Amino acid sequence: MTAPDLRPQLLTQLLQYAYQEGDFTLSSGQKSTYYINGKQVTLRAEGALLVGRILGAMLPPNTAAVGGLTLGADPMVSAVSIVSALESRPIPALIIRKKPKGHGTKAYIEGPNLPASANVVVLEDVVTTGQSAMFAVEKLREAGYTVNHIIALVDREQGGQELYAAEGIHFEAVFSIRDLQAAAKAAQE
């Protein structure tokens, strides 16, 4: 089964476990009538496998590693790394802390050391304003890595894509919020 064939399965899991309607406050501080908790999918064995295969297939050929901001990206980068090893093309995972480690190296980035200028793709579960993934991009660039690509599971279409474009970063999402909402509406009919 190819990765594009797996998207309907991932959409089903996102609707079943991650998508909720109601009154919510997002990490950006914005109010919303829906919430997507990607970890409800990425931390399930089946969801992690789908995410690893789909996102792995979306990576540019020169990808040296995948990384993302803790906590949302942790299961995603791990899933992609494990699936890549199973497919005999191992890609390491990097986790970017929100604050530097309080001891030892006081590093922001956890994971294997890579050569200078290595191409790292940032993964994100849900993009709203784009600030979380941009923080990861900044820390990876400060460490000497090249970051020109961000991939998300869901784009809420609230400014993230525009922020990344302004920074010269290519952005892709597996689904837009319109995809989720259309599928949720179809499921209710």
N, C-alpha and C. Protein backbone atom coordinates (compact mmCIF):
# COMPACT_ATOMS: atom_id res chain seq x y z
N MET A 1 0.86 -1.19 0.00
CA MET A 1 0.00 0.00 0.00
C MET A 1 0.89 1.24 0.00
N THR A 2 0.66 2.14 -0.89
CA THR A 2 1.45 3.36 -0.94
C THR A 2 0.91 4.38 0.05
N ALA A 3 1.75 5.33 0.42
CA ALA A 3 1.37 6.33 1.41
C ALA A 3 0.11 7.09 1.03
N PRO A 4 -0.06 7.56 -0.22
CA PRO A 4 -1.29 8.29 -0.54
C PRO A 4 -2.56 7.46 -0.28
N ASP A 5 -2.47 6.14 -0.42
CA ASP A 5 -3.61 5.28 -0.14
C ASP A 5 -3.98 5.27 1.34
N LEU A 6 -3.07 5.72 2.20
CA LEU A 6 -3.29 5.68 3.64
C LEU A 6 -3.98 6.94 4.17
N ARG A 7 -4.07 7.98 3.38
CA ARG A 7 -4.65 9.24 3.86
C ARG A 7 -6.10 9.08 4.35
N PRO A 8 -6.96 8.34 3.64
CA PRO A 8 -8.33 8.18 4.16
C PRO A 8 -8.35 7.53 5.55
N GLN A 9 -7.44 6.59 5.79
CA GLN A 9 -7.38 5.95 7.11
C GLN A 9 -6.97 6.96 8.18
N LEU A 10 -5.98 7.81 7.84
CA LEU A 10 -5.54 8.82 8.80
C LEU A 10 -6.65 9.84 9.04
N LEU A 11 -7.36 10.23 8.01
CA LEU A 11 -8.47 11.16 8.17
C LEU A 11 -9.52 10.57 9.10
N THR A 12 -9.83 9.31 8.93
CA THR A 12 -10.80 8.63 9.81
C THR A 12 -10.34 8.68 11.25
N GLN A 13 -9.05 8.41 11.48
CA GLN A 13 -8.52 8.44 12.86
C GLN A 13 -8.57 9.86 13.44
N LEU A 14 -8.22 10.85 12.62
CA LEU A 14 -8.28 12.23 13.11
C LEU A 14 -9.69 12.61 13.51
N LEU A 15 -10.67 12.22 12.69
CA LEU A 15 -12.06 12.54 13.02
C LEU A 15 -12.53 11.78 14.25
N GLN A 16 -12.15 10.53 14.34
CA GLN A 16 -12.62 9.69 15.45
C GLN A 16 -12.00 10.08 16.78
N TYR A 17 -10.71 10.42 16.78
CA TYR A 17 -10.01 10.61 18.05
C TYR A 17 -9.54 12.05 18.34
N ALA A 18 -9.27 12.85 17.31
CA ALA A 18 -8.60 14.12 17.54
C ALA A 18 -9.48 15.35 17.37
N TYR A 19 -10.47 15.31 16.50
CA TYR A 19 -11.28 16.48 16.16
C TYR A 19 -12.47 16.59 17.10
N GLN A 20 -12.63 17.79 17.71
CA GLN A 20 -13.76 18.05 18.60
C GLN A 20 -14.34 19.41 18.28
N GLU A 21 -15.63 19.55 18.45
CA GLU A 21 -16.27 20.85 18.30
C GLU A 21 -16.73 21.31 19.67
N GLY A 22 -16.70 22.63 19.89
CA GLY A 22 -17.05 23.22 21.17
C GLY A 22 -16.40 24.58 21.29
N ASP A 23 -16.16 25.05 22.51
CA ASP A 23 -15.48 26.32 22.76
C ASP A 23 -14.12 26.04 23.35
N PHE A 24 -13.06 26.47 22.65
CA PHE A 24 -11.70 26.17 23.06
C PHE A 24 -10.82 27.41 22.97
N THR A 25 -9.77 27.43 23.78
CA THR A 25 -8.70 28.42 23.68
C THR A 25 -7.47 27.68 23.20
N LEU A 26 -6.88 28.15 22.10
CA LEU A 26 -5.72 27.50 21.50
C LEU A 26 -4.43 27.95 22.16
N SER A 27 -3.33 27.26 21.87
CA SER A 27 -2.04 27.64 22.44
C SER A 27 -1.63 29.04 22.02
N SER A 28 -2.15 29.51 20.89
CA SER A 28 -1.87 30.87 20.42
C SER A 28 -2.66 31.91 21.21
N GLY A 29 -3.62 31.45 22.03
CA GLY A 29 -4.48 32.35 22.78
C GLY A 29 -5.78 32.65 22.06
N GLN A 30 -5.85 32.26 20.79
CA GLN A 30 -7.07 32.48 20.01
C GLN A 30 -8.19 31.58 20.50
N LYS A 31 -9.42 32.07 20.34
CA LYS A 31 -10.61 31.26 20.64
C LYS A 31 -11.00 30.49 19.39
N SER A 32 -11.58 29.30 19.58
CA SER A 32 -11.96 28.48 18.44
C SER A 32 -13.19 27.66 18.78
N THR A 33 -13.97 27.34 17.75
CA THR A 33 -15.16 26.50 17.92
C THR A 33 -14.83 25.02 17.67
N TYR A 34 -13.56 24.73 17.41
CA TYR A 34 -13.13 23.33 17.25
C TYR A 34 -11.69 23.19 17.75
N TYR A 35 -11.32 21.98 18.05
CA TYR A 35 -9.97 21.69 18.56
C TYR A 35 -9.51 20.38 17.94
N ILE A 36 -8.23 20.32 17.62
CA ILE A 36 -7.64 19.10 17.07
C ILE A 36 -6.48 18.72 17.97
N ASN A 37 -6.61 17.61 18.68
CA ASN A 37 -5.55 17.11 19.54
C ASN A 37 -4.85 15.97 18.79
N GLY A 38 -3.85 16.31 18.01
CA GLY A 38 -3.16 15.34 17.17
C GLY A 38 -2.56 14.18 17.94
N LYS A 39 -2.19 14.41 19.21
CA LYS A 39 -1.58 13.34 20.01
C LYS A 39 -2.54 12.17 20.24
N GLN A 40 -3.85 12.45 20.14
CA GLN A 40 -4.82 11.35 20.27
C GLN A 40 -4.69 10.35 19.13
N VAL A 41 -4.06 10.76 18.03
CA VAL A 41 -3.81 9.86 16.90
C VAL A 41 -2.35 9.43 16.88
N THR A 42 -1.42 10.38 17.03
CA THR A 42 0.00 10.07 16.87
C THR A 42 0.55 9.18 17.97
N LEU A 43 -0.15 9.11 19.11
CA LEU A 43 0.31 8.24 20.19
C LEU A 43 -0.40 6.89 20.20
N ARG A 44 -1.24 6.63 19.23
CA ARG A 44 -1.84 5.31 19.05
C ARG A 44 -0.95 4.53 18.07
N ALA A 45 -0.80 3.25 18.28
CA ALA A 45 0.08 2.46 17.42
C ALA A 45 -0.31 2.58 15.95
N GLU A 46 -1.60 2.44 15.66
CA GLU A 46 -2.06 2.49 14.27
C GLU A 46 -1.86 3.89 13.69
N GLY A 47 -2.15 4.91 14.48
CA GLY A 47 -1.99 6.29 14.03
C GLY A 47 -0.53 6.61 13.78
N ALA A 48 0.35 6.17 14.68
CA ALA A 48 1.78 6.43 14.50
C ALA A 48 2.29 5.78 13.23
N LEU A 49 1.84 4.56 12.95
CA LEU A 49 2.27 3.88 11.73
C LEU A 49 1.80 4.64 10.49
N LEU A 50 0.56 5.09 10.50
CA LEU A 50 0.04 5.87 9.37
C LEU A 50 0.84 7.16 9.20
N VAL A 51 1.06 7.86 10.29
CA VAL A 51 1.80 9.12 10.25
C VAL A 51 3.22 8.88 9.75
N GLY A 52 3.87 7.85 10.26
CA GLY A 52 5.24 7.55 9.83
C GLY A 52 5.33 7.26 8.35
N ARG A 53 4.38 6.50 7.84
CA ARG A 53 4.41 6.14 6.41
C ARG A 53 4.02 7.33 5.52
N ILE A 54 2.98 8.06 5.90
CA ILE A 54 2.53 9.18 5.07
C ILE A 54 3.56 10.31 5.05
N LEU A 55 4.01 10.73 6.24
CA LEU A 55 4.97 11.83 6.29
C LEU A 55 6.32 11.41 5.71
N GLY A 56 6.71 10.17 5.95
CA GLY A 56 7.96 9.68 5.37
C GLY A 56 7.96 9.76 3.86
N ALA A 57 6.82 9.46 3.25
CA ALA A 57 6.70 9.53 1.79
C ALA A 57 6.71 10.98 1.28
N MET A 58 6.41 11.94 2.15
CA MET A 58 6.37 13.35 1.76
C MET A 58 7.73 14.04 1.89
N LEU A 59 8.69 13.40 2.53
CA LEU A 59 9.99 14.04 2.77
C LEU A 59 10.76 14.27 1.48
N PRO A 60 11.42 15.43 1.37
CA PRO A 60 12.29 15.64 0.21
C PRO A 60 13.42 14.60 0.21
N PRO A 61 13.95 14.26 -0.95
CA PRO A 61 14.98 13.22 -1.04
C PRO A 61 16.25 13.51 -0.24
N ASN A 62 16.57 14.78 0.00
CA ASN A 62 17.82 15.11 0.69
C ASN A 62 17.64 15.27 2.20
N THR A 63 16.57 14.75 2.76
CA THR A 63 16.29 14.89 4.19
C THR A 63 17.30 14.09 5.01
N ALA A 64 18.02 14.80 5.90
CA ALA A 64 19.00 14.15 6.78
C ALA A 64 18.38 13.78 8.12
N ALA A 65 17.31 14.50 8.52
CA ALA A 65 16.64 14.23 9.80
C ALA A 65 15.29 14.92 9.80
N VAL A 66 14.43 14.48 10.71
CA VAL A 66 13.17 15.16 10.97
C VAL A 66 13.22 15.67 12.40
N GLY A 67 12.59 16.81 12.63
CA GLY A 67 12.59 17.39 13.97
C GLY A 67 11.31 18.14 14.21
N GLY A 68 11.09 18.48 15.46
CA GLY A 68 9.91 19.25 15.79
C GLY A 68 9.91 19.63 17.25
N LEU A 69 9.02 20.57 17.57
CA LEU A 69 8.92 21.10 18.92
C LEU A 69 8.20 20.10 19.82
N THR A 70 8.81 19.86 20.99
CA THR A 70 8.17 18.99 21.97
C THR A 70 6.86 19.66 22.42
N LEU A 71 5.86 19.03 22.63
CA LEU A 71 5.51 17.65 22.80
C LEU A 71 4.77 17.13 21.57
N GLY A 72 4.12 18.01 20.85
CA GLY A 72 3.29 17.58 19.72
C GLY A 72 4.03 16.81 18.66
N ALA A 73 5.27 17.22 18.37
CA ALA A 73 6.02 16.57 17.29
C ALA A 73 6.75 15.32 17.75
N ASP A 74 6.90 15.10 19.04
CA ASP A 74 7.69 13.96 19.53
C ASP A 74 7.25 12.63 18.93
N PRO A 75 5.97 12.26 19.03
CA PRO A 75 5.58 10.98 18.45
C PRO A 75 5.67 10.95 16.94
N MET A 76 5.53 12.11 16.31
CA MET A 76 5.58 12.17 14.84
C MET A 76 7.00 11.91 14.34
N VAL A 77 7.99 12.61 14.92
CA VAL A 77 9.36 12.42 14.46
C VAL A 77 9.83 11.01 14.77
N SER A 78 9.38 10.46 15.90
CA SER A 78 9.74 9.08 16.24
C SER A 78 9.13 8.10 15.25
N ALA A 79 7.86 8.31 14.90
CA ALA A 79 7.19 7.41 13.95
C ALA A 79 7.87 7.44 12.59
N VAL A 80 8.19 8.63 12.10
CA VAL A 80 8.85 8.74 10.80
C VAL A 80 10.22 8.06 10.85
N SER A 81 10.95 8.26 11.93
CA SER A 81 12.28 7.66 12.06
C SER A 81 12.20 6.13 12.08
N ILE A 82 11.27 5.59 12.85
CA ILE A 82 11.13 4.13 12.93
C ILE A 82 10.71 3.54 11.59
N VAL A 83 9.72 4.15 10.95
CA VAL A 83 9.27 3.64 9.65
C VAL A 83 10.41 3.73 8.63
N SER A 84 11.19 4.80 8.68
CA SER A 84 12.31 4.94 7.73
C SER A 84 13.33 3.82 7.94
N ALA A 85 13.58 3.44 9.18
CA ALA A 85 14.51 2.34 9.46
C ALA A 85 13.95 1.02 8.94
N LEU A 86 12.64 0.80 9.12
CA LEU A 86 12.02 -0.42 8.62
C LEU A 86 12.08 -0.50 7.10
N GLU A 87 12.11 0.67 6.45
CA GLU A 87 12.18 0.74 4.98
C GLU A 87 13.62 0.84 4.48
N SER A 88 14.58 0.58 5.36
CA SER A 88 16.03 0.56 5.03
C SER A 88 16.54 1.91 4.50
N ARG A 89 15.98 2.98 4.99
CA ARG A 89 16.50 4.33 4.67
C ARG A 89 16.40 5.18 5.94
N PRO A 90 17.18 4.82 6.97
CA PRO A 90 17.04 5.43 8.29
C PRO A 90 17.24 6.95 8.30
N ILE A 91 16.29 7.62 8.91
CA ILE A 91 16.31 9.08 9.08
C ILE A 91 16.18 9.33 10.58
N PRO A 92 17.18 9.96 11.19
CA PRO A 92 17.10 10.22 12.64
C PRO A 92 16.06 11.28 12.99
N ALA A 93 15.67 11.27 14.26
CA ALA A 93 14.69 12.21 14.79
C ALA A 93 15.37 13.18 15.75
N LEU A 94 14.93 14.43 15.71
CA LEU A 94 15.40 15.45 16.64
C LEU A 94 14.19 16.04 17.35
N ILE A 95 14.35 16.31 18.64
CA ILE A 95 13.29 16.92 19.43
C ILE A 95 13.81 18.26 19.94
N ILE A 96 13.04 19.31 19.71
CA ILE A 96 13.44 20.65 20.12
C ILE A 96 12.67 21.00 21.38
N ARG A 97 13.43 21.32 22.42
CA ARG A 97 12.84 21.73 23.70
C ARG A 97 12.29 23.15 23.60
N LYS A 98 11.30 23.46 24.45
CA LYS A 98 10.77 24.83 24.49
C LYS A 98 11.69 25.75 25.27
N LYS A 99 12.45 25.17 26.19
CA LYS A 99 13.46 25.90 26.97
C LYS A 99 14.71 25.03 26.97
N PRO A 100 15.89 25.65 27.09
CA PRO A 100 17.10 24.83 27.07
C PRO A 100 17.16 23.88 28.26
N LYS A 101 17.83 22.78 28.05
CA LYS A 101 18.04 21.80 29.11
C LYS A 101 18.65 22.53 30.31
N GLY A 102 18.18 22.24 31.50
CA GLY A 102 18.63 22.96 32.69
C GLY A 102 19.97 22.51 33.23
N HIS A 103 20.58 21.51 32.63
CA HIS A 103 21.86 21.00 33.13
C HIS A 103 22.69 20.48 31.95
N GLY A 104 23.87 20.01 32.24
CA GLY A 104 24.73 19.44 31.19
C GLY A 104 25.03 20.43 30.09
N THR A 105 24.67 20.10 28.88
CA THR A 105 24.97 20.94 27.71
C THR A 105 24.04 22.14 27.58
N LYS A 106 22.94 22.14 28.32
CA LYS A 106 21.93 23.20 28.24
C LYS A 106 21.42 23.38 26.82
N ALA A 107 21.31 22.28 26.11
CA ALA A 107 20.92 22.28 24.71
C ALA A 107 19.41 22.40 24.54
N TYR A 108 19.01 22.96 23.40
CA TYR A 108 17.61 22.99 22.99
C TYR A 108 17.23 21.73 22.21
N ILE A 109 18.22 21.11 21.57
CA ILE A 109 17.95 20.00 20.65
C ILE A 109 18.43 18.69 21.23
N GLU A 110 17.53 17.69 21.22
CA GLU A 110 17.88 16.33 21.62
C GLU A 110 17.89 15.46 20.38
N GLY A 111 18.86 14.56 20.32
CA GLY A 111 18.96 13.65 19.19
C GLY A 111 20.39 13.57 18.72
N PRO A 112 20.64 12.75 17.71
CA PRO A 112 22.00 12.58 17.24
C PRO A 112 22.56 13.86 16.63
N ASN A 113 23.88 14.04 16.78
CA ASN A 113 24.55 15.16 16.14
C ASN A 113 24.63 14.88 14.65
N LEU A 114 24.34 15.90 13.86
CA LEU A 114 24.36 15.79 12.41
C LEU A 114 25.46 16.68 11.85
N PRO A 115 25.89 16.41 10.63
CA PRO A 115 26.88 17.31 10.01
C PRO A 115 26.31 18.72 9.86
N ALA A 116 27.21 19.70 9.86
CA ALA A 116 26.79 21.09 9.65
C ALA A 116 26.02 21.20 8.33
N SER A 117 25.02 22.02 8.31
CA SER A 117 24.17 22.28 7.14
C SER A 117 23.28 21.11 6.74
N ALA A 118 23.18 20.07 7.57
CA ALA A 118 22.29 18.94 7.26
C ALA A 118 20.87 19.44 7.07
N ASN A 119 20.16 18.88 6.11
CA ASN A 119 18.78 19.26 5.83
C ASN A 119 17.83 18.58 6.80
N VAL A 120 17.14 19.38 7.60
CA VAL A 120 16.19 18.88 8.58
C VAL A 120 14.80 19.37 8.18
N VAL A 121 13.83 18.46 8.18
CA VAL A 121 12.44 18.81 7.91
C VAL A 121 11.71 18.88 9.25
N VAL A 122 11.02 19.98 9.48
CA VAL A 122 10.27 20.15 10.73
C VAL A 122 8.87 19.58 10.55
N LEU A 123 8.44 18.78 11.53
CA LEU A 123 7.10 18.19 11.53
C LEU A 123 6.27 18.85 12.62
N GLU A 124 4.97 18.97 12.36
CA GLU A 124 4.05 19.60 13.31
C GLU A 124 2.71 18.89 13.19
N ASP A 125 2.00 18.70 14.30
CA ASP A 125 0.71 18.03 14.19
C ASP A 125 -0.34 18.99 13.64
N VAL A 126 -0.51 20.14 14.28
CA VAL A 126 -1.53 21.10 13.84
C VAL A 126 -0.90 22.48 13.75
N VAL A 127 -1.07 23.15 12.61
CA VAL A 127 -0.53 24.50 12.43
C VAL A 127 -1.68 25.50 12.47
N THR A 128 -1.53 26.50 13.33
CA THR A 128 -2.50 27.60 13.38
C THR A 128 -1.77 28.85 12.90
N THR A 129 -1.08 29.54 13.81
CA THR A 129 -0.33 30.75 13.41
C THR A 129 1.04 30.40 12.85
N GLY A 130 1.52 29.21 13.14
CA GLY A 130 2.83 28.78 12.65
C GLY A 130 3.98 29.04 13.60
N GLN A 131 3.70 29.65 14.74
CA GLN A 131 4.78 30.04 15.66
C GLN A 131 5.55 28.85 16.25
N SER A 132 4.87 27.77 16.59
CA SER A 132 5.55 26.64 17.21
C SER A 132 6.60 26.03 16.29
N ALA A 133 6.20 25.77 15.06
CA ALA A 133 7.15 25.19 14.11
C ALA A 133 8.27 26.19 13.79
N MET A 134 7.96 27.49 13.76
CA MET A 134 9.00 28.49 13.48
C MET A 134 10.02 28.52 14.61
N PHE A 135 9.59 28.32 15.84
CA PHE A 135 10.53 28.25 16.96
C PHE A 135 11.49 27.09 16.73
N ALA A 136 10.96 25.94 16.32
CA ALA A 136 11.81 24.78 16.04
C ALA A 136 12.78 25.09 14.90
N VAL A 137 12.28 25.74 13.86
CA VAL A 137 13.14 26.12 12.72
C VAL A 137 14.28 27.00 13.21
N GLU A 138 13.97 28.00 14.02
CA GLU A 138 14.99 28.93 14.51
C GLU A 138 16.06 28.21 15.31
N LYS A 139 15.66 27.32 16.20
CA LYS A 139 16.64 26.60 17.04
C LYS A 139 17.49 25.66 16.19
N LEU A 140 16.90 25.01 15.21
CA LEU A 140 17.66 24.13 14.32
C LEU A 140 18.65 24.93 13.48
N ARG A 141 18.21 26.07 12.98
CA ARG A 141 19.11 26.92 12.20
C ARG A 141 20.24 27.47 13.05
N GLU A 142 19.93 27.85 14.29
CA GLU A 142 20.97 28.33 15.20
C GLU A 142 22.03 27.24 15.45
N ALA A 143 21.61 25.98 15.38
CA ALA A 143 22.54 24.86 15.57
C ALA A 143 23.34 24.55 14.30
N GLY A 144 23.05 25.28 13.22
CA GLY A 144 23.82 25.11 11.99
C GLY A 144 23.17 24.23 10.94
N TYR A 145 21.93 23.83 11.18
CA TYR A 145 21.23 22.98 10.22
C TYR A 145 20.48 23.82 9.19
N THR A 146 20.19 23.22 8.06
CA THR A 146 19.40 23.86 7.01
C THR A 146 17.96 23.38 7.16
N VAL A 147 17.03 24.32 7.27
CA VAL A 147 15.61 23.98 7.39
C VAL A 147 14.84 24.81 6.37
N ASN A 148 14.31 24.14 5.38
CA ASN A 148 13.55 24.81 4.32
C ASN A 148 12.18 24.18 4.10
N HIS A 149 11.77 23.28 5.00
CA HIS A 149 10.55 22.51 4.74
C HIS A 149 9.86 22.19 6.06
N ILE A 150 8.56 22.44 6.11
CA ILE A 150 7.72 22.07 7.26
C ILE A 150 6.57 21.25 6.73
N ILE A 151 6.28 20.14 7.42
CA ILE A 151 5.13 19.30 7.06
C ILE A 151 4.24 19.16 8.30
N ALA A 152 2.95 19.37 8.11
CA ALA A 152 1.99 19.25 9.21
C ALA A 152 0.93 18.22 8.87
N LEU A 153 0.31 17.67 9.90
CA LEU A 153 -0.83 16.79 9.68
C LEU A 153 -2.04 17.62 9.25
N VAL A 154 -2.29 18.74 9.97
CA VAL A 154 -3.46 19.57 9.68
C VAL A 154 -3.07 21.04 9.68
N ASP A 155 -3.50 21.75 8.66
CA ASP A 155 -3.34 23.21 8.59
C ASP A 155 -4.70 23.84 8.91
N ARG A 156 -4.75 24.59 10.00
CA ARG A 156 -5.98 25.28 10.38
C ARG A 156 -6.25 26.49 9.49
N GLU A 157 -5.29 26.82 8.62
CA GLU A 157 -5.41 27.92 7.67
C GLU A 157 -5.66 29.25 8.37
N GLN A 158 -4.84 29.53 9.38
CA GLN A 158 -4.98 30.77 10.14
C GLN A 158 -3.67 31.54 10.20
N GLY A 159 -2.89 31.48 9.13
CA GLY A 159 -1.69 32.30 9.04
C GLY A 159 -0.37 31.56 9.00
N GLY A 160 -0.35 30.30 9.34
CA GLY A 160 0.90 29.55 9.34
C GLY A 160 1.57 29.50 7.98
N GLN A 161 0.80 29.15 6.97
CA GLN A 161 1.37 29.03 5.62
C GLN A 161 1.97 30.36 5.16
N GLU A 162 1.30 31.46 5.45
CA GLU A 162 1.80 32.78 5.06
C GLU A 162 3.09 33.12 5.81
N LEU A 163 3.15 32.78 7.09
CA LEU A 163 4.37 33.02 7.88
C LEU A 163 5.54 32.25 7.28
N TYR A 164 5.31 30.99 6.97
CA TYR A 164 6.39 30.17 6.41
C TYR A 164 6.83 30.68 5.05
N ALA A 165 5.88 31.08 4.22
CA ALA A 165 6.21 31.61 2.90
C ALA A 165 7.08 32.87 3.03
N ALA A 166 6.74 33.72 3.99
CA ALA A 166 7.51 34.94 4.21
C ALA A 166 8.95 34.63 4.65
N GLU A 167 9.14 33.48 5.26
CA GLU A 167 10.47 33.04 5.72
C GLU A 167 11.17 32.17 4.68
N GLY A 168 10.53 31.98 3.52
CA GLY A 168 11.14 31.17 2.46
C GLY A 168 11.11 29.68 2.73
N ILE A 169 10.14 29.24 3.53
CA ILE A 169 10.03 27.83 3.89
C ILE A 169 8.86 27.20 3.14
N HIS A 170 9.13 26.06 2.52
CA HIS A 170 8.08 25.32 1.82
C HIS A 170 7.21 24.62 2.87
N PHE A 171 5.90 24.72 2.74
CA PHE A 171 4.98 24.14 3.71
C PHE A 171 3.99 23.22 3.01
N GLU A 172 3.80 22.06 3.60
CA GLU A 172 2.79 21.11 3.13
C GLU A 172 2.01 20.60 4.33
N ALA A 173 0.75 20.34 4.13
CA ALA A 173 -0.08 19.72 5.16
C ALA A 173 -0.77 18.52 4.54
N VAL A 174 -0.91 17.47 5.31
CA VAL A 174 -1.63 16.29 4.83
C VAL A 174 -3.09 16.65 4.60
N PHE A 175 -3.65 17.44 5.54
CA PHE A 175 -5.05 17.86 5.45
C PHE A 175 -5.17 19.33 5.82
N SER A 176 -6.18 19.99 5.26
CA SER A 176 -6.56 21.33 5.70
C SER A 176 -7.74 21.16 6.65
N ILE A 177 -8.02 22.21 7.39
CA ILE A 177 -9.18 22.15 8.28
C ILE A 177 -10.45 21.94 7.47
N ARG A 178 -10.47 22.45 6.24
CA ARG A 178 -11.65 22.24 5.38
C ARG A 178 -11.87 20.75 5.10
N ASP A 179 -10.77 20.01 4.93
CA ASP A 179 -10.88 18.56 4.70
C ASP A 179 -11.53 17.88 5.90
N LEU A 180 -11.06 18.22 7.11
CA LEU A 180 -11.61 17.61 8.32
C LEU A 180 -13.07 17.99 8.51
N GLN A 181 -13.38 19.27 8.35
CA GLN A 181 -14.75 19.71 8.57
C GLN A 181 -15.72 19.12 7.54
N ALA A 182 -15.28 19.01 6.29
CA ALA A 182 -16.13 18.40 5.27
C ALA A 182 -16.38 16.94 5.58
N ALA A 183 -15.35 16.23 6.02
CA ALA A 183 -15.50 14.81 6.36
C ALA A 183 -16.37 14.65 7.61
N ALA A 184 -16.23 15.55 8.58
CA ALA A 184 -17.06 15.49 9.80
C ALA A 184 -18.52 15.73 9.45
N LYS A 185 -18.76 16.68 8.55
CA LYS A 185 -20.15 16.98 8.14
C LYS A 185 -20.74 15.80 7.38
N ALA A 186 -19.96 15.20 6.47
CA ALA A 186 -20.42 14.05 5.70
C ALA A 186 -20.73 12.87 6.62
N ALA A 187 -19.96 12.71 7.68
CA ALA A 187 -20.18 11.60 8.61
C ALA A 187 -21.48 11.78 9.41
N GLN A 188 -21.90 13.03 9.60
CA GLN A 188 -23.11 13.32 10.36
C GLN A 188 -24.38 13.17 9.51
N GLU A 189 -24.21 13.18 8.18
CA GLU A 189 -25.38 13.14 7.30
C GLU A 189 -25.87 11.73 7.09
